[in-house]
Every structure is written in structure tokens, then in C-alpha cells.
Amino acid sequence: MPKTSAAVTQADYIKAYRIMLLSRVLEEKLASLYRAGMIKGGVFLGRGQEALSVSVGTHLHRGDIFAPLIRDQAGRLAFGDTVLDTLRTYLGSQLGSMRGRDGNIHRGRPRDGYYAMISHLGAMIPAVSGALFARRLKGESGVVGATCIGDGGTSTGAFHEGLNAAAVEKLPLIVVVANNQYAYSTPNSRQYACADLLDKAAGYGVTGHKADGTNLLDCLQTLRRAVHNAREGGGPQLVVADLLRLVGHGEHDDGQYVDPKLKASALGGDCLALAERHILDQAWATAQEHAEWRREVEMEVNSTADRVRREPAPDPEEDDWAALSCPEYREHYATS
């Protein structure tokens, strides 16, 4: 594969790790709030997938497009999302970017290139491809778009149609597959017949990259290469990272269907714990410094949650929201 102009530095690694740590602590809080009945709707955690997710968000620039999925809290934070807006969305605060109107996994800021998720079953691939094609028609260059998907999503029609269109048009699209071995509870052996999901790259005529999803350094290096290739005119990039989600499909699911042998294998390694060990082994930080990092993020998450819980929920009697954005259309349909 073509090499990038710069390697992953110690500073890059520690920055990514600290975002992973923030994501983990934040999601632990979300799980606690869900169990306490304070969150309506589902809660889907990215435990075990943070290294891959943060590597996507970290390598995107202002002006790029990012369409994260349900397990991409780390990538969202790396792309500029905040603990405050995350908690406001999950807790239904009127002050959040969604103003308490939509489900917690659909949040985004489209004008900033941060796309709200339609579905995690491949739907964001054609959405991002269309956005990139629109940018091209406007004469914009140097922009890339990235979206993430699970192994199960590669079996959908949207995956095929979106990636095929991107390949034909040579769009600067990065599709990141978190191959966590299960499509909900369906194992890979019932999902696809090819030896490896990376084989699909050749079938679509796009560049393929393989990553160890439990290894932060490998994820950072692989995503840096993929994003660089797309930005430099190399067309779509398909990144496949092997890992294992360390929780059920959602907080409603205990994940008992996961093969214990997989949990005991290298795929079952906790990317956050492995990254922490790497930092300590390299003497990039002491155990005391790491403990201070965790204390800081726990204080941020807990204090923000306390603040958001005191904020108002949306009032349907006062909300001026309408599905039709233009006032003249609203007035016409209100009187017809």
C-alpha cells in the first residue's frame, strides 16, 4: 500500500487513547442511566471497538464528512462531538442539538459534515457517496467521506449499491467494516461465504486494507493510510478490522450466543486495556498519570450528567418545530 507522509507519533497515540478512555467512561455512564430508567430507547455500546472508531474520527479534517454508527462514540468525540451534547441527546434535553425530538443514535450536525445515522445496515454508504458526488459537482476538492458498518451490514443491498456507485465514480469514500464476528446473533459463517470480507474490495475494484481492531497503533496507521489514499485521488477505500464487541448487541441483550472460544482468543482482547498497557510499557505515562486521566474524565462525565438531568425536556405545547421547513408551506397545509 502507498505510504503516508507522516507516521503515527507518541502524541497521536496518547491523544487517541484519551478519547477512547473518555468514550468508555461516557458509555459506562449511559449504561448506568439506561438501567436506572432515565434513558428512553436503546443504548448500544462500542466496548471493544473504540480503537477502530477513534482512528476514523481522528484522521478526518474540518470540511470532511463522517457518518458514524451505533458503536462509534469514540469516533464521534474525535470528530468534534461533545460529552454535553451526547448526554443532552440521550437524556432528551430541550437544549441539545436534537432538542429532545429524536432517538439518541440519530444525532448529528449535517451542516458540519457530521451526518445523523439513518440506519446502521449500509444506508449511510449511498448517503455519503451522494454527498461526495455533490461536492464534486460544486467543484470542491480535497474532501473525503467516511462511514462505518458492521460485518452483517455488508450483506445488504445498500452496501452493494453505495460501494459500487462510489467505485464507478472513484469517489473519496472510506468504508470501515468492524468485523465483530456477529450480525446481532448471527455468526459470520451464516453471513458470507468468502474467506475474508477483505476479498470484497477486489470484487468492487477498490483498495482494501486490513487492521487488527484490538490494536490502537495498527488501527491508527491503517486509517491514516486509507484516508490519505482517498484524499489523494485513490478512490474508495475498504477497511476491514477484525475484533469482537465485548458486550451484547445493546444493553437489552446479554450476548450469551457469543462463542466462548472467541472471547478467549486474541479477538476478545480489550483494545482500551491493551492500549493502556502499551503506554505504560513504552514509559509514555506512569500509572499515576493514567489514574489522573481517568479521574478527570469521570469528573467531566458525572458533572455533565448532573447538569443535563436538571435541564428542561421539550414541551409539545410550546415547540415550534414542523416537518416542513418553509413557513409558507406550513401555513398552506395548516389551512387546507
Protein backbone atom coordinates (compact mmCIF):
# COMPACT_ATOMS: atom_id res chain seq x y z
CA MET A 1 0.00 0.00 0.00
CA PRO A 2 1.19 3.58 -0.61
CA LYS A 3 2.76 5.09 2.49
CA THR A 4 1.57 8.31 4.07
CA SER A 5 3.80 11.32 4.52
CA ALA A 6 3.83 11.09 8.32
CA ALA A 7 3.93 8.27 10.85
CA VAL A 8 1.78 7.94 13.95
CA THR A 9 3.58 9.73 16.78
CA GLN A 10 3.55 9.23 20.52
CA ALA A 11 1.38 12.33 20.84
CA ASP A 12 -1.07 10.95 18.26
CA TYR A 13 -1.33 7.68 20.16
CA ILE A 14 -1.89 9.26 23.57
CA LYS A 15 -4.46 11.70 22.18
CA ALA A 16 -6.40 8.83 20.61
CA TYR A 17 -6.14 6.76 23.78
CA ARG A 18 -7.52 9.56 25.93
CA ILE A 19 -10.51 9.93 23.59
CA MET A 20 -11.05 6.16 23.86
CA LEU A 21 -10.94 6.45 27.65
CA LEU A 22 -13.44 9.30 27.60
CA SER A 23 -15.71 7.29 25.33
CA ARG A 24 -15.54 4.23 27.58
CA VAL A 25 -16.34 6.20 30.74
CA LEU A 26 -19.14 8.09 28.99
CA GLU A 27 -20.71 4.88 27.73
CA GLU A 28 -20.46 3.29 31.16
CA LYS A 29 -22.47 6.26 32.42
CA LEU A 30 -25.00 5.86 29.63
CA ALA A 31 -25.45 2.19 30.53
CA SER A 32 -26.00 3.14 34.18
CA LEU A 33 -28.58 5.78 33.27
CA TYR A 34 -30.36 3.32 30.98
CA ARG A 35 -30.61 0.71 33.73
CA ALA A 36 -31.99 3.39 36.04
CA GLY A 37 -34.78 4.10 33.56
CA MET A 38 -33.53 7.59 32.71
CA ILE A 39 -32.89 6.92 29.00
CA LYS A 40 -35.72 6.09 26.60
CA GLY A 41 -34.93 3.94 23.59
CA GLY A 42 -31.91 1.73 23.06
CA VAL A 43 -28.35 2.09 24.26
CA PHE A 44 -25.68 0.45 22.11
CA LEU A 45 -22.13 0.44 23.40
CA GLY A 46 -18.87 0.39 21.46
CA ARG A 47 -16.91 -1.52 24.11
CA GLY A 48 -14.10 -3.31 22.28
CA GLN A 49 -14.43 -1.20 19.12
CA GLU A 50 -13.09 2.13 20.37
CA ALA A 51 -9.62 1.78 18.79
CA LEU A 52 -11.11 1.42 15.32
CA SER A 53 -13.72 4.11 15.81
CA VAL A 54 -11.36 6.74 17.20
CA SER A 55 -8.96 6.09 14.33
CA VAL A 56 -11.65 7.08 11.84
CA GLY A 57 -12.67 10.34 13.53
CA THR A 58 -9.07 11.30 14.31
CA HIS A 59 -7.96 11.33 10.68
CA LEU A 60 -10.80 13.40 9.27
CA HIS A 61 -10.47 17.15 8.82
CA ARG A 62 -12.87 20.06 9.11
CA GLY A 63 -14.94 20.01 5.94
CA ASP A 64 -14.86 16.21 5.61
CA ILE A 65 -17.94 14.02 6.01
CA PHE A 66 -18.39 11.49 8.80
CA ALA A 67 -21.37 9.17 9.14
CA PRO A 68 -20.88 7.24 12.40
CA LEU A 69 -22.96 4.28 13.53
CA ILE A 70 -24.29 2.97 16.83
CA ARG A 71 -20.90 1.92 18.27
CA ASP A 72 -18.93 4.99 17.19
CA GLN A 73 -18.95 7.16 20.31
CA ALA A 74 -15.15 7.32 20.24
CA GLY A 75 -15.14 8.38 16.60
CA ARG A 76 -17.84 10.95 17.28
CA LEU A 77 -15.78 12.53 20.07
CA ALA A 78 -12.68 12.55 17.87
CA PHE A 79 -14.64 14.30 15.11
CA GLY A 80 -15.78 17.06 17.47
CA ASP A 81 -18.86 15.78 19.29
CA THR A 82 -19.03 16.66 22.98
CA VAL A 83 -19.93 14.92 26.22
CA LEU A 84 -22.51 17.64 26.81
CA ASP A 85 -24.40 17.18 23.55
CA THR A 86 -24.18 13.39 23.82
CA LEU A 87 -25.81 13.40 27.25
CA ARG A 88 -28.36 16.01 26.20
CA THR A 89 -29.42 13.77 23.34
CA TYR A 90 -29.63 10.57 25.37
CA LEU A 91 -31.49 12.28 28.22
CA GLY A 92 -33.84 14.20 25.93
CA SER A 93 -32.81 17.71 26.93
CA GLN A 94 -34.50 20.58 25.12
CA LEU A 95 -31.12 22.33 24.95
CA GLY A 96 -29.37 19.65 22.88
CA SER A 97 -28.76 19.78 19.14
CA MET A 98 -31.75 17.43 18.62
CA ARG A 99 -33.84 19.43 21.14
CA GLY A 100 -35.16 16.18 22.61
CA ARG A 101 -37.08 15.31 19.46
CA ASP A 102 -35.36 12.21 18.12
CA GLY A 103 -33.75 8.97 19.19
CA ASN A 104 -30.29 9.16 20.71
CA ILE A 105 -28.48 7.31 17.91
CA HIS A 106 -29.66 9.68 15.17
CA ARG A 107 -27.85 12.78 16.35
CA GLY A 108 -25.64 14.81 14.06
CA ARG A 109 -24.91 18.21 12.55
CA PRO A 110 -25.22 17.78 8.76
CA ARG A 111 -24.03 21.33 8.00
CA ASP A 112 -20.74 20.43 9.72
CA GLY A 113 -20.36 17.18 7.79
CA TYR A 114 -21.43 15.17 10.84
CA TYR A 115 -24.25 13.07 9.46
CA ALA A 116 -27.14 11.74 11.53
CA MET A 117 -27.48 7.99 11.16
CA ILE A 118 -30.38 6.73 9.03
CA SER A 119 -29.65 3.06 9.69
CA HIS A 120 -26.58 1.01 10.54
CA LEU A 121 -27.44 -1.54 7.83
CA GLY A 122 -25.49 0.05 4.98
CA ALA A 123 -27.76 3.05 4.42
CA MET A 124 -25.04 5.61 5.11
CA ILE A 125 -22.78 4.36 2.31
CA PRO A 126 -25.01 5.69 -0.52
CA ALA A 127 -25.77 8.79 1.58
CA VAL A 128 -22.09 9.68 1.94
CA SER A 129 -21.38 8.71 -1.67
CA GLY A 130 -24.12 11.07 -2.82
CA ALA A 131 -22.75 13.87 -0.66
CA LEU A 132 -19.26 13.37 -2.06
CA PHE A 133 -20.60 13.42 -5.62
CA ALA A 134 -22.44 16.66 -4.83
CA ARG A 135 -19.20 18.18 -3.53
CA ARG A 136 -17.52 17.19 -6.80
CA LEU A 137 -20.26 18.88 -8.85
CA LYS A 138 -19.70 22.03 -6.79
CA GLY A 139 -16.01 21.95 -7.67
CA GLU A 140 -14.81 21.14 -4.17
CA SER A 141 -11.66 19.03 -3.84
CA GLY A 142 -9.55 17.57 -1.06
CA VAL A 143 -12.56 16.37 0.90
CA VAL A 144 -13.18 12.77 1.94
CA GLY A 145 -16.16 10.98 3.45
CA ALA A 146 -16.11 8.08 5.88
CA THR A 147 -18.72 5.78 7.30
CA CYS A 148 -18.61 2.68 9.45
CA ILE A 149 -20.51 -0.57 9.17
CA GLY A 150 -20.62 -3.98 10.78
CA ASP A 151 -19.93 -7.30 9.10
CA GLY A 152 -23.67 -8.00 8.88
CA GLY A 153 -24.27 -4.75 7.03
CA THR A 154 -22.02 -5.90 4.18
CA SER A 155 -24.78 -8.36 3.24
CA THR A 156 -27.29 -5.62 2.45
CA GLY A 157 -28.29 -4.10 -0.87
CA ALA A 158 -27.39 -0.61 0.30
CA PHE A 159 -23.79 -1.71 0.87
CA HIS A 160 -23.56 -3.09 -2.67
CA GLU A 161 -25.26 -0.17 -4.38
CA GLY A 162 -23.42 2.52 -2.45
CA LEU A 163 -19.95 1.00 -2.76
CA ASN A 164 -20.47 0.07 -6.40
CA ALA A 165 -21.51 3.64 -7.28
CA ALA A 166 -18.56 5.06 -5.33
CA ALA A 167 -16.17 2.71 -7.14
CA VAL A 168 -17.50 3.62 -10.58
CA GLU A 169 -17.22 7.33 -9.82
CA LYS A 170 -13.90 6.92 -7.96
CA LEU A 171 -15.23 8.90 -5.01
CA PRO A 172 -13.01 9.64 -1.99
CA LEU A 173 -15.03 7.32 0.26
CA ILE A 174 -13.70 5.28 3.18
CA VAL A 175 -15.91 2.40 4.31
CA VAL A 176 -14.78 0.96 7.64
CA VAL A 177 -16.03 -2.53 8.48
CA ALA A 178 -15.94 -3.53 12.15
CA ASN A 179 -15.90 -7.28 11.69
CA ASN A 180 -17.08 -8.17 15.18
CA GLN A 181 -17.95 -11.75 14.17
CA TYR A 182 -21.72 -11.43 14.64
CA ALA A 183 -24.60 -9.69 12.87
CA TYR A 184 -26.54 -9.26 16.09
CA SER A 185 -26.59 -13.01 16.99
CA THR A 186 -25.88 -14.44 13.53
CA PRO A 187 -22.28 -15.70 13.20
CA ASN A 188 -20.11 -14.88 10.20
CA SER A 189 -20.40 -18.45 8.94
CA ARG A 190 -24.04 -17.66 8.13
CA GLN A 191 -23.30 -14.18 6.79
CA TYR A 192 -20.90 -14.61 3.89
CA ALA A 193 -19.12 -17.39 2.01
CA CYS A 194 -15.91 -15.59 1.03
CA ALA A 195 -12.78 -16.43 3.01
CA ASP A 196 -12.39 -12.87 4.24
CA LEU A 197 -14.50 -9.72 3.96
CA LEU A 198 -11.44 -8.00 2.52
CA ASP A 199 -11.97 -10.14 -0.61
CA LYS A 200 -14.92 -7.88 -1.41
CA ALA A 201 -12.57 -4.98 -2.12
CA ALA A 202 -11.22 -6.67 -5.25
CA GLY A 203 -14.74 -7.50 -6.37
CA TYR A 204 -15.73 -3.85 -6.34
CA GLY A 205 -12.43 -2.62 -7.74
CA VAL A 206 -11.50 -0.62 -4.63
CA THR A 207 -8.41 -0.57 -2.44
CA GLY A 208 -8.57 -2.85 0.59
CA HIS A 209 -6.88 -2.52 3.98
CA LYS A 210 -6.75 -4.98 6.87
CA ALA A 211 -6.44 -3.92 10.51
CA ASP A 212 -6.24 -5.56 13.91
CA GLY A 213 -9.22 -3.96 15.62
CA THR A 214 -7.81 -4.65 19.09
CA ASN A 215 -4.56 -2.77 18.36
CA LEU A 216 -4.76 1.02 18.51
CA LEU A 217 -1.46 1.60 16.71
CA ASP A 218 -2.43 -0.70 13.84
CA CYS A 219 -5.84 0.98 13.54
CA LEU A 220 -4.30 4.46 13.52
CA GLN A 221 -1.75 3.50 10.89
CA THR A 222 -4.27 1.72 8.69
CA LEU A 223 -6.86 4.51 8.78
CA ARG A 224 -4.21 7.15 8.19
CA ARG A 225 -3.14 5.28 5.06
CA ALA A 226 -6.72 4.77 3.85
CA VAL A 227 -7.75 8.39 4.38
CA HIS A 228 -4.55 9.61 2.74
CA ASN A 229 -5.16 7.42 -0.32
CA ALA A 230 -8.74 8.63 -0.71
CA ARG A 231 -7.78 12.28 -0.28
CA GLU A 232 -5.02 11.95 -2.89
CA GLY A 233 -7.37 10.61 -5.57
CA GLY A 234 -7.09 6.88 -4.92
CA GLY A 235 -10.85 6.31 -5.00
CA PRO A 236 -12.85 4.33 -2.44
CA GLN A 237 -11.03 2.51 0.38
CA LEU A 238 -12.44 -0.52 2.18
CA VAL A 239 -11.01 -1.10 5.66
CA VAL A 240 -11.78 -4.37 7.43
CA ALA A 241 -10.85 -4.66 11.10
CA ASP A 242 -11.22 -7.93 12.98
CA LEU A 243 -12.34 -7.65 16.60
CA LEU A 244 -15.08 -8.72 18.99
CA ARG A 245 -17.65 -6.49 20.64
CA LEU A 246 -17.27 -7.08 24.35
CA VAL A 247 -20.94 -6.52 25.19
CA GLY A 248 -24.27 -7.64 23.79
CA HIS A 249 -25.82 -6.06 20.72
CA GLY A 250 -27.40 -3.48 23.03
CA GLU A 251 -27.98 -3.06 26.72
CA HIS A 252 -31.13 -5.15 26.29
CA ASP A 253 -29.05 -8.14 25.11
CA ASP A 254 -26.75 -10.30 27.25
CA GLY A 255 -24.73 -11.66 24.30
CA GLN A 256 -24.83 -15.26 25.54
CA TYR A 257 -24.74 -16.52 21.94
CA VAL A 258 -21.09 -15.43 21.53
CA ASP A 259 -18.76 -18.44 21.30
CA PRO A 260 -16.61 -18.62 24.49
CA LYS A 261 -13.65 -19.62 22.31
CA LEU A 262 -13.86 -16.27 20.54
CA LYS A 263 -13.91 -14.44 23.86
CA ALA A 264 -10.76 -16.30 24.91
CA SER A 265 -9.00 -15.67 21.59
CA ALA A 266 -6.94 -12.65 20.55
CA LEU A 267 -10.10 -11.18 19.01
CA GLY A 268 -11.54 -10.88 22.51
CA GLY A 269 -8.82 -8.53 23.70
CA ASP A 270 -9.95 -5.20 25.14
CA CYS A 271 -8.44 -2.51 22.90
CA LEU A 272 -8.55 0.06 25.72
CA ALA A 273 -6.68 -2.16 28.18
CA LEU A 274 -4.15 -3.15 25.50
CA ALA A 275 -3.53 0.50 24.59
CA GLU A 276 -3.08 1.39 28.26
CA ARG A 277 -0.53 -1.40 28.65
CA HIS A 278 1.34 -0.16 25.57
CA ILE A 279 1.55 3.37 27.01
CA LEU A 280 2.87 2.08 30.32
CA ASP A 281 5.33 -0.32 28.66
CA GLN A 282 6.70 2.50 26.50
CA ALA A 283 7.01 4.73 29.59
CA TRP A 284 4.92 7.39 27.85
CA ALA A 285 2.99 7.86 31.10
CA THR A 286 3.06 6.48 34.61
CA ALA A 287 0.31 4.52 36.32
CA GLN A 288 -0.34 7.57 38.47
CA GLU A 289 -0.75 9.80 35.41
CA HIS A 290 -3.13 7.30 33.86
CA ALA A 291 -5.20 7.21 37.06
CA GLU A 292 -5.39 11.01 36.90
CA TRP A 293 -6.62 10.85 33.28
CA ARG A 294 -9.44 8.53 34.33
CA ARG A 295 -10.32 10.69 37.32
CA GLU A 296 -10.56 13.75 35.08
CA VAL A 297 -12.90 12.13 32.57
CA GLU A 298 -15.06 10.60 35.30
CA MET A 299 -15.48 14.06 36.86
CA GLU A 300 -16.35 15.56 33.47
CA VAL A 301 -18.90 12.88 32.64
CA ASN A 302 -20.56 12.81 36.07
CA SER A 303 -20.78 16.59 36.45
CA THR A 304 -22.16 16.95 32.91
CA ALA A 305 -24.76 14.25 33.53
CA ASP A 306 -25.88 16.00 36.72
CA ARG A 307 -26.18 19.28 34.81
CA VAL A 308 -28.18 17.77 31.94
CA ARG A 309 -30.60 15.97 34.25
CA ARG A 310 -31.65 19.39 35.56
CA GLU A 311 -32.34 20.76 32.06
CA PRO A 312 -35.90 21.00 30.66
CA ALA A 313 -37.47 18.38 28.45
CA PRO A 314 -39.28 19.50 25.26
CA ASP A 315 -42.79 20.89 25.77
CA PRO A 316 -45.13 19.92 22.89
CA GLU A 317 -47.37 22.90 23.67
CA GLU A 318 -44.56 25.37 23.10
CA ASP A 319 -42.36 23.69 20.49
CA ASP A 320 -42.39 25.45 17.10
CA TRP A 321 -40.93 22.52 15.17
CA ALA A 322 -42.56 21.49 11.89
CA ALA A 323 -41.70 18.80 9.35
CA LEU A 324 -41.99 21.38 6.56
CA SER A 325 -39.20 23.91 6.93
CA CYS A 326 -40.66 26.73 4.81
CA PRO A 327 -43.24 28.90 6.63
CA GLU A 328 -45.38 29.38 3.51
CA TYR A 329 -45.74 25.61 3.14
CA ARG A 330 -46.67 25.23 6.80
CA GLU A 331 -49.33 27.94 6.51
CA HIS A 332 -50.76 26.40 3.32
CA TYR A 333 -51.14 22.92 4.79
CA ALA A 334 -52.43 24.23 8.12
CA THR A 335 -55.43 25.84 6.36
CA SER A 336 -56.08 23.21 3.68
